[in-house]
C-alpha cells in the first residue's frame, strides 16, 4: 500500500522497500559460538562510524546472516538518539550488530545512499519523533520503524540524488580533514608557547573558571522546536558545528542554559579518544547547553577565555584528561573534580594576549 506525493513519487512504508532486522542481545551467559566484532549504539554516528573501541561477543553460525552487515546496509540507532544512522560500505561481511541497532537492507530497486539521506532528512526535521515510543527516554522499535514512509522516485533519480548529496558530504569532510591537520600543527605551536619554561605561575583549572556545569536534560529524540541545543557531536571537530545540534522548544529552564560568547564546551562523556575535546563560542548565535557536555566559563580576573581555550587544546591537557577518564562499556567519563585539578600556567594578561595572538597566526 502506498500514497503519492504532489510530484508523483509514491510514499512507501520502509517495510516494503527494505528488510529490517534488530541486532543481537548481549548475554555472556547464554551466547554461544565464535567471537566476532560488533557495532554498538556508540559506534554509529550520523553518516559514518566510529570503529575505535570495538567489542566482541559470541555468534553462532546460524546467526551470521541475521546479524551481519553487508555492503549498502543502513545501520540505525534504536535508542540513545533514535534514528541516527549511516551506510555500511565495507565489502567484506563479518561485522555484526548489537540489539540497540537496526539493520535496514534495501531491496532491489532502492539505492542505499538515497534511502539514507531520506531517513537523515526525517531525523533532522523531527519527523521521526512521531514514530518513537517511551516517556523520558525515547526508542524507535522495529514495528514503528517499518511504518516510516519514504518518497521513492525511479532508481536513476535515486542514484542521482544520492551522488549529489555524497559529493557535498565529501567536500565537507575534506574541509574537516584540512581543519584537523591545521589543528595538529597549531597544537604543537601552543605547547611550545604555553609551557616554554617554569617562569609562569601554575594554577588549578578550578581557580581559572567561574562556572563549571553540566548541560540541561532534554529529549534528544524529538528534534522539534526552534532552540538549538548542543550534543556530543556538536564539537566533534574542535569547533561548534551548528549542523550537529539538537532542537527543542525553548522554555524558562532551557533559557538559563544559554551559551555565552567566550564560553567553552568540554567533552567529558565520550569515547577515550574524544575525551577533553573543546570548542569556544565565538559568535552571537543563540545556542543552549545540552547534556553530555560540560560548560566552562573563564574567571576573567585570572584568565581570558581565549587563553584558557588555547591551554585546553594542548596535548598536555588532553593527555591529562584521557589519563583521568573512567572507562565503562566503550564510554569514558570525567567528573568535575577531575577537570578542576588540572594544573595550567597562568601568566600575566599581557602574556596571555600575546600567546593567543601567536597561536592564531
Protein backbone atom coordinates (compact mmCIF):
# COMPACT_ATOMS: atom_id res chain seq x y z
CA UNK A 1 0.00 0.00 0.00
CA UNK A 2 1.48 3.37 -0.95
CA UNK A 3 0.47 7.00 -1.17
CA UNK A 4 1.63 9.59 -3.70
CA UNK A 5 3.34 12.96 -3.26
CA UNK A 6 2.34 16.01 -5.29
CA UNK A 7 5.39 15.49 -7.52
CA UNK A 8 4.28 11.98 -8.44
CA UNK A 9 6.66 9.97 -6.25
CA UNK A 10 4.86 7.31 -4.21
CA UNK A 11 5.24 7.26 -0.42
CA UNK A 12 6.08 3.68 0.54
CA UNK A 13 6.49 2.22 4.05
CA UNK A 14 10.03 1.20 4.92
CA UNK A 15 8.90 -2.41 5.45
CA UNK A 16 8.07 -2.68 1.72
CA UNK A 17 11.40 -1.36 0.40
CA UNK A 18 13.84 -2.99 2.84
CA UNK A 19 14.50 -5.98 5.06
CA UNK A 20 14.55 -4.93 8.72
CA UNK A 21 16.41 -6.70 11.48
CA UNK A 22 17.30 -5.80 15.08
CA UNK A 23 20.73 -6.75 16.45
CA UNK A 24 21.55 -9.45 18.98
CA UNK A 25 21.06 -9.20 22.73
CA UNK A 26 24.32 -9.14 24.67
CA UNK A 27 24.17 -12.02 27.16
CA UNK A 28 27.51 -13.55 28.18
CA UNK A 29 25.82 -16.44 29.96
CA UNK A 30 23.67 -17.55 27.01
CA UNK A 31 25.58 -16.57 23.89
CA UNK A 32 27.46 -19.35 22.10
CA UNK A 33 29.64 -19.60 19.03
CA UNK A 34 32.60 -17.70 17.58
CA UNK A 35 33.78 -14.35 18.97
CA UNK A 36 33.07 -11.62 16.41
CA UNK A 37 33.30 -7.81 16.48
CA UNK A 38 30.01 -5.95 16.70
CA UNK A 39 28.72 -2.41 16.46
CA UNK A 40 27.00 -0.82 19.44
CA UNK A 41 24.99 2.40 19.57
CA UNK A 42 28.08 4.49 20.38
CA UNK A 43 29.84 3.31 17.20
CA UNK A 44 27.17 4.78 14.89
CA UNK A 45 27.41 8.48 14.05
CA UNK A 46 25.37 10.50 11.57
CA UNK A 47 26.73 9.49 8.17
CA UNK A 48 29.60 7.34 9.42
CA UNK A 49 31.03 5.00 12.02
CA UNK A 50 33.50 5.31 14.89
CA UNK A 51 35.28 1.96 14.86
CA UNK A 52 37.51 2.71 17.83
CA UNK A 53 36.96 0.60 20.94
CA UNK A 54 35.04 -2.16 19.15
CA UNK A 55 33.96 -5.01 21.39
CA UNK A 56 33.30 -8.67 20.61
CA UNK A 57 30.68 -11.26 21.59
CA UNK A 58 29.78 -14.79 20.53
CA UNK A 59 27.67 -15.52 17.45
CA UNK A 60 26.69 -18.95 16.22
CA UNK A 61 26.98 -19.79 12.51
CA UNK A 62 23.20 -19.92 12.18
CA UNK A 63 23.02 -16.31 13.45
CA UNK A 64 25.50 -14.90 10.96
CA UNK A 65 23.05 -13.93 8.21
CA UNK A 66 20.59 -12.49 10.70
CA UNK A 67 23.02 -10.13 12.43
CA UNK A 68 25.88 -9.46 10.00
CA UNK A 69 26.31 -6.34 7.88
CA UNK A 70 26.75 -6.30 4.12
CA UNK A 71 27.77 -3.51 1.77
CA UNK A 72 24.94 -0.99 1.44
CA UNK A 73 23.15 -1.88 4.69
CA UNK A 74 21.92 1.09 6.72
CA UNK A 75 22.60 0.86 10.44
CA UNK A 76 20.24 2.88 12.66
CA UNK A 77 20.12 3.51 16.41
CA UNK A 78 17.03 2.14 18.14
CA UNK A 79 17.69 4.13 21.33
CA UNK A 80 20.15 6.75 22.60
CA UNK A 81 19.48 9.10 19.71
CA UNK A 82 16.85 7.11 17.84
CA UNK A 83 17.15 7.42 14.08
CA UNK A 84 20.87 8.24 13.94
CA UNK A 85 22.18 6.20 11.03
CA UNK A 86 24.88 5.56 8.43
CA UNK A 87 25.52 3.36 5.38
CA UNK A 88 27.90 0.42 5.85
CA UNK A 89 30.39 0.42 2.96
CA UNK A 90 32.75 -2.43 3.82
CA UNK A 91 32.81 -5.05 1.07
CA UNK A 92 33.69 -7.99 3.31
CA UNK A 93 30.93 -9.33 5.55
CA UNK A 94 31.81 -10.00 9.16
CA UNK A 95 30.77 -7.04 11.28
CA UNK A 96 27.78 -7.82 13.49
CA UNK A 97 25.26 -5.62 15.32
CA UNK A 98 24.02 -5.47 18.89
CA UNK A 99 20.35 -5.23 19.87
CA UNK A 100 20.41 -1.42 20.20
CA UNK A 101 20.77 -1.16 16.40
CA UNK A 102 18.50 -1.79 13.42
CA UNK A 103 19.84 -3.17 10.15
CA UNK A 104 17.96 -1.75 7.16
CA UNK A 105 18.81 -3.69 3.97
CA UNK A 106 17.28 -2.07 0.84
CA UNK A 107 15.59 -4.38 -1.65
CA UNK A 108 16.35 -4.32 -5.39
CA UNK A 109 15.37 -1.02 -6.94
CA UNK A 110 16.23 1.02 -3.83
CA UNK A 111 19.52 2.91 -3.64
CA UNK A 112 21.17 2.70 -0.20
CA UNK A 113 22.52 6.25 -0.26
CA UNK A 114 19.22 7.75 -1.36
CA UNK A 115 17.42 5.87 1.40
CA UNK A 116 19.99 7.03 3.97
CA UNK A 117 19.55 10.70 3.02
CA UNK A 118 15.76 10.32 3.07
CA UNK A 119 15.96 8.92 6.62
CA UNK A 120 18.53 11.54 7.70
CA UNK A 121 16.23 14.30 6.44
CA UNK A 122 13.38 12.92 8.50
CA UNK A 123 15.68 12.82 11.52
CA UNK A 124 16.86 16.43 11.14
CA UNK A 125 13.33 17.72 10.51
CA UNK A 126 11.87 15.99 13.57
CA UNK A 127 9.54 13.76 11.53
CA UNK A 128 10.90 10.60 13.15
CA UNK A 129 9.61 11.76 16.54
CA UNK A 130 6.05 10.69 15.71
CA UNK A 131 7.22 7.08 15.37
CA UNK A 132 9.10 6.96 18.67
CA UNK A 133 7.84 5.42 21.89
CA UNK A 134 8.61 5.94 25.57
CA UNK A 135 8.26 8.79 28.05
CA UNK A 136 11.56 10.40 29.03
CA UNK A 137 13.83 8.00 27.11
CA UNK A 138 12.72 7.58 23.50
CA UNK A 139 13.08 4.45 21.37
CA UNK A 140 12.33 3.60 17.76
CA UNK A 141 11.14 -0.04 17.86
CA UNK A 142 11.04 -2.21 14.76
CA UNK A 143 7.27 -2.14 14.36
CA UNK A 144 7.35 1.65 14.27
CA UNK A 145 10.39 1.80 12.00
CA UNK A 146 8.53 -0.36 9.49
CA UNK A 147 5.76 2.27 9.20
CA UNK A 148 8.00 5.18 8.17
CA UNK A 149 7.01 6.31 4.68
CA UNK A 150 9.71 7.20 2.17
CA UNK A 151 9.19 9.04 -1.14
CA UNK A 152 10.51 6.73 -3.87
CA UNK A 153 11.47 8.17 -7.28
CA UNK A 154 12.72 5.99 -10.15
CA UNK A 155 16.03 4.26 -9.41
CA UNK A 156 18.04 6.53 -11.77
CA UNK A 157 16.74 9.57 -9.92
CA UNK A 158 17.53 7.94 -6.56
CA UNK A 159 21.12 7.39 -7.67
CA UNK A 160 21.47 10.93 -8.98
CA UNK A 161 20.21 12.40 -5.71
CA UNK A 162 22.46 10.10 -3.70
CA UNK A 163 25.54 11.01 -5.78
CA UNK A 164 24.93 14.76 -5.47
CA UNK A 165 24.50 14.59 -1.71
CA UNK A 166 27.51 12.28 -1.29
CA UNK A 167 29.65 14.74 -3.25
CA UNK A 168 28.50 17.54 -0.96
CA UNK A 169 29.33 15.46 2.11
CA UNK A 170 32.75 14.61 0.65
CA UNK A 171 33.52 18.31 0.22
CA UNK A 172 32.52 18.98 3.81
CA UNK A 173 34.66 16.08 5.02
CA UNK A 174 37.66 17.40 3.05
CA UNK A 175 37.31 20.72 4.84
CA UNK A 176 37.15 18.94 8.18
CA UNK A 177 40.26 16.93 7.32
CA UNK A 178 42.15 20.12 6.44
CA UNK A 179 40.95 21.69 9.68
CA UNK A 180 42.15 18.66 11.67
CA UNK A 181 45.61 18.86 10.05
CA UNK A 182 45.80 22.58 10.81
CA UNK A 183 44.76 21.90 14.41
CA UNK A 184 47.54 19.33 14.80
CA UNK A 185 50.15 21.90 13.76
CA UNK A 186 48.54 24.55 15.93
CA UNK A 187 48.58 22.19 18.92
CA UNK A 188 52.37 21.86 18.72
CA UNK A 189 52.75 25.64 18.48
CA UNK A 190 50.57 26.17 21.55
CA UNK A 191 52.53 23.59 23.51
CA UNK A 192 55.79 25.49 22.97
CA UNK A 193 54.24 28.88 23.73
CA UNK A 194 52.30 27.95 26.86
CA UNK A 195 54.92 25.75 28.51
CA UNK A 196 58.19 27.43 27.42
CA UNK A 197 59.81 27.13 30.86
CA UNK A 198 58.90 27.48 34.54
CA UNK A 199 58.57 31.27 34.65
CA UNK A 200 54.75 31.24 34.69
CA UNK A 201 52.91 30.52 37.97
CA UNK A 202 50.77 27.36 37.96
CA UNK A 203 47.08 27.35 38.95
CA UNK A 204 44.49 24.60 39.05
CA UNK A 205 41.85 24.83 36.35
CA UNK A 206 39.20 25.19 39.06
CA UNK A 207 40.80 28.52 40.05
CA UNK A 208 40.69 29.76 36.45
CA UNK A 209 36.97 29.27 35.83
CA UNK A 210 33.94 30.92 37.38
CA UNK A 211 31.34 28.41 36.10
CA UNK A 212 31.56 24.66 35.54
CA UNK A 213 28.23 23.00 34.91
CA UNK A 214 26.53 20.07 33.22
CA UNK A 215 24.03 20.70 30.44
CA UNK A 216 20.27 20.72 30.50
CA UNK A 217 18.46 17.38 30.22
CA UNK A 218 16.14 17.38 27.21
CA UNK A 219 14.53 14.87 24.91
CA UNK A 220 17.18 14.47 22.21
CA UNK A 221 14.88 12.31 20.12
CA UNK A 222 12.17 14.86 19.39
CA UNK A 223 14.17 17.35 17.27
CA UNK A 224 11.15 19.66 17.39
CA UNK A 225 11.38 23.36 18.21
CA UNK A 226 13.47 26.42 17.35
CA UNK A 227 16.10 26.27 20.11
CA UNK A 228 19.49 24.83 19.08
CA UNK A 229 20.93 22.59 21.80
CA UNK A 230 24.43 21.14 21.97
CA UNK A 231 25.08 17.40 21.61
CA UNK A 232 28.32 15.41 21.85
CA UNK A 233 28.71 15.67 18.07
CA UNK A 234 28.44 19.47 18.18
CA UNK A 235 32.16 19.74 18.97
CA UNK A 236 33.34 16.61 17.17
CA UNK A 237 35.87 18.55 15.08
CA UNK A 238 37.08 21.08 17.64
CA UNK A 239 34.64 23.80 16.58
CA UNK A 240 30.96 24.36 17.21
CA UNK A 241 29.19 22.67 14.33
CA UNK A 242 25.65 24.04 14.21
CA UNK A 243 24.61 21.35 11.72
CA UNK A 244 25.12 18.80 14.53
CA UNK A 245 22.99 20.43 17.19
CA UNK A 246 19.70 19.16 18.55
CA UNK A 247 16.45 21.12 18.53
CA UNK A 248 13.73 21.55 21.11
CA UNK A 249 11.22 24.06 22.39
CA UNK A 250 12.69 26.94 24.39
CA UNK A 251 11.23 27.15 27.91
CA UNK A 252 12.22 29.02 31.08
CA UNK A 253 14.51 26.21 32.25
CA UNK A 254 16.40 25.82 28.99
CA UNK A 255 16.79 29.60 28.59
CA UNK A 256 19.01 29.62 31.70
CA UNK A 257 21.45 27.31 29.84
CA UNK A 258 22.27 29.79 27.07
CA UNK A 259 25.89 29.53 25.92
CA UNK A 260 27.54 32.96 26.11
CA UNK A 261 30.27 34.45 23.95
CA UNK A 262 33.60 33.11 25.23
CA UNK A 263 32.11 30.04 26.96
CA UNK A 264 33.98 26.78 26.40
CA UNK A 265 32.22 23.47 25.72
CA UNK A 266 34.15 20.47 27.03
CA UNK A 267 33.60 16.79 26.15
CA UNK A 268 33.60 14.89 29.48
CA UNK A 269 31.48 11.87 28.41
CA UNK A 270 32.67 10.23 25.21
CA UNK A 271 34.99 7.55 23.83
CA UNK A 272 38.50 7.83 25.30
CA UNK A 273 40.00 9.41 22.18
CA UNK A 274 37.39 12.22 22.26
CA UNK A 275 37.60 12.96 26.00
CA UNK A 276 38.76 16.54 26.58
CA UNK A 277 37.81 17.89 23.15
CA UNK A 278 36.74 21.51 23.36
CA UNK A 279 35.16 24.34 21.40
CA UNK A 280 34.77 28.03 22.25
CA UNK A 281 31.72 30.18 21.47
CA UNK A 282 32.87 32.94 19.16
CA UNK A 283 29.60 34.12 17.65
CA UNK A 284 26.31 35.63 18.76
CA UNK A 285 24.00 32.86 17.53
CA UNK A 286 21.60 31.56 20.14
CA UNK A 287 22.81 28.20 21.44
CA UNK A 288 21.83 26.26 24.56
CA UNK A 289 23.95 23.89 26.60
CA UNK A 290 22.65 20.33 26.44
CA UNK A 291 23.54 17.14 28.29
CA UNK A 292 26.81 15.20 27.87
CA UNK A 293 28.96 18.31 27.53
CA UNK A 294 30.47 20.42 30.32
CA UNK A 295 30.41 24.20 30.09
CA UNK A 296 33.44 26.12 31.38
CA UNK A 297 33.31 29.89 31.82
CA UNK A 298 36.63 31.67 32.35
CA UNK A 299 37.28 33.57 35.58
CA UNK A 300 38.16 36.81 33.81
CA UNK A 301 40.00 38.14 36.84
CA UNK A 302 42.56 35.37 36.22
CA UNK A 303 42.46 34.37 32.54
CA UNK A 304 40.96 35.49 29.26
CA UNK A 305 38.69 32.87 27.63
CA UNK A 306 40.83 32.56 24.51
CA UNK A 307 43.94 31.71 26.56
CA UNK A 308 42.04 29.13 28.62
CA UNK A 309 40.83 27.59 25.37
CA UNK A 310 44.37 27.51 23.97
CA UNK A 311 45.57 25.68 27.10
CA UNK A 312 42.82 23.07 26.80
CA UNK A 313 43.74 22.44 23.17
CA UNK A 314 47.29 21.34 24.02
CA UNK A 315 48.31 17.69 24.00
CA UNK A 316 49.42 18.04 27.63
CA UNK A 317 45.87 18.89 28.69
CA UNK A 318 44.30 16.20 26.50
CA UNK A 319 46.69 13.56 27.87
CA UNK A 320 45.86 14.57 31.45
CA UNK A 321 42.12 14.20 30.88
CA UNK A 322 42.44 10.92 28.99
CA UNK A 323 44.53 9.59 31.86
CA UNK A 324 41.91 10.58 34.44
CA UNK A 325 38.92 9.22 32.49
CA UNK A 326 36.94 6.29 33.88
CA UNK A 327 36.06 3.78 31.16
CA UNK A 328 32.97 1.53 31.15
CA UNK A 329 31.39 -0.24 28.16
CA UNK A 330 33.06 1.79 25.38
CA UNK A 331 32.42 5.10 27.13
CA UNK A 332 34.78 7.26 29.18
CA UNK A 333 33.82 9.98 31.65
CA UNK A 334 35.30 12.71 33.81
CA UNK A 335 33.73 14.32 36.86
CA UNK A 336 34.09 17.97 37.84
CA UNK A 337 36.91 17.28 40.27
CA UNK A 338 38.90 15.50 37.53
CA UNK A 339 38.61 18.61 35.39
CA UNK A 340 39.22 21.15 38.15
CA UNK A 341 42.50 19.59 39.34
CA UNK A 342 44.36 20.05 36.04
CA UNK A 343 47.26 22.48 36.58
CA UNK A 344 47.96 25.14 33.96
CA UNK A 345 50.41 28.02 33.51
CA UNK A 346 48.86 31.39 34.32
CA UNK A 347 50.98 34.30 33.02
CA UNK A 348 50.04 37.99 33.04
CA UNK A 349 47.16 39.19 30.88
CA UNK A 350 49.66 40.78 28.51
CA UNK A 351 51.44 37.45 28.07
CA UNK A 352 48.13 35.63 27.64
CA UNK A 353 47.10 38.01 24.85
CA UNK A 354 50.48 37.63 23.15
CA UNK A 355 50.26 33.83 23.30
CA UNK A 356 46.72 33.83 21.90
CA UNK A 357 47.74 36.18 19.06
CA UNK A 358 50.68 33.93 18.14
CA UNK A 359 48.56 30.77 18.40
CA UNK A 360 46.05 32.20 15.92
CA UNK A 361 48.62 33.22 13.31
